[in-house]
Amino acid sequence: MANLQEATQENLAVLIDGIKSKLNMANTQVMRPEDFSLDYYEDLLYLYNMVQKKTSFSINEMTAIVEELGNMRKS
């Protein structure tokens, strides 16, 4: 497994893909790794770790996570 502590483009893709699969997102084109800057890597890593620990998500949690990801996307 990759060392996710390192902020690389490859690790960023692992984080985004991991979050997408855990949330069972239908429209995955909305979240592409290239849409995110490495400036937000630590925030994405935190979100990734939080999402991976949970077994299910309420609608409110899903909405909050998606909104947070939206705030981190490059404009």
Protein backbone atom coordinates (compact mmCIF):
# COMPACT_ATOMS: atom_id res chain seq x y z
CA MET A 1 0.00 0.00 0.00
CA ALA A 2 1.21 3.48 -0.81
CA ASN A 3 2.38 5.84 1.91
CA LEU A 4 -0.55 8.23 1.89
CA GLN A 5 1.31 10.70 4.11
CA GLU A 6 3.12 11.91 0.98
CA ALA A 7 1.27 14.59 -0.98
CA THR A 8 1.65 13.32 -4.54
CA GLN A 9 -0.72 13.37 -7.50
CA GLU A 10 -0.86 9.55 -7.37
CA ASN A 11 -1.83 9.54 -3.69
CA LEU A 12 -4.40 12.25 -4.33
CA ALA A 13 -6.02 9.92 -6.88
CA VAL A 14 -6.02 7.09 -4.29
CA LEU A 15 -7.77 9.37 -1.77
CA ILE A 16 -10.42 10.61 -4.23
CA ASP A 17 -11.10 7.12 -5.60
CA GLY A 18 -11.30 5.69 -2.08
CA ILE A 19 -13.81 8.33 -0.99
CA LYS A 20 -15.89 7.84 -4.15
CA SER A 21 -16.07 4.06 -3.78
CA LYS A 22 -16.84 4.19 -0.04
CA LEU A 23 -19.68 6.66 -0.62
CA ASN A 24 -21.01 4.65 -3.59
CA MET A 25 -21.24 7.85 -5.59
CA ALA A 26 -23.35 7.46 -8.72
CA ASN A 27 -21.91 10.39 -10.67
CA THR A 28 -18.19 9.80 -10.27
CA GLN A 29 -17.29 12.20 -13.09
CA VAL A 30 -18.07 15.03 -10.67
CA MET A 31 -15.03 14.02 -8.63
CA ARG A 32 -11.88 13.58 -10.67
CA PRO A 33 -8.47 13.66 -8.97
CA GLU A 34 -7.25 16.30 -11.44
CA ASP A 35 -9.97 18.65 -10.16
CA PHE A 36 -8.22 18.88 -6.79
CA SER A 37 -5.06 20.73 -5.83
CA LEU A 38 -2.33 19.23 -3.68
CA ASP A 39 -2.84 22.31 -1.48
CA TYR A 40 -5.83 20.46 0.01
CA TYR A 41 -4.00 17.15 0.42
CA GLU A 42 -4.03 17.10 4.22
CA ASP A 43 -7.76 17.95 4.30
CA LEU A 44 -8.49 15.22 1.75
CA LEU A 45 -6.40 12.73 3.72
CA TYR A 46 -8.35 13.56 6.87
CA LEU A 47 -11.66 13.15 5.01
CA TYR A 48 -10.46 9.90 3.42
CA ASN A 49 -9.48 8.43 6.81
CA MET A 50 -12.79 9.47 8.35
CA VAL A 51 -14.81 7.98 5.48
CA GLN A 52 -12.85 4.71 5.53
CA LYS A 53 -13.60 4.17 9.25
CA LYS A 54 -17.38 4.41 8.84
CA THR A 55 -19.61 1.58 7.68
CA SER A 56 -22.58 3.72 6.67
CA PHE A 57 -23.50 7.36 6.20
CA SER A 58 -26.64 9.35 6.90
CA ILE A 59 -28.01 11.64 4.20
CA ASN A 60 -26.75 14.64 6.20
CA GLU A 61 -23.26 13.16 6.46
CA MET A 62 -23.18 12.41 2.72
CA THR A 63 -24.31 15.96 1.93
CA ALA A 64 -21.68 17.45 4.23
CA ILE A 65 -18.90 15.32 2.74
CA VAL A 66 -19.90 16.16 -0.84
CA GLU A 67 -20.15 19.88 0.03
CA GLU A 68 -16.71 19.77 1.66
CA LEU A 69 -15.25 18.10 -1.42
CA GLY A 70 -16.93 20.73 -3.58
CA ASN A 71 -15.26 23.47 -1.53
CA MET A 72 -11.86 21.87 -2.15
CA ARG A 73 -12.24 21.59 -5.93
CA LYS A 74 -10.24 23.89 -8.16
CA SER A 75 -12.43 26.68 -9.45
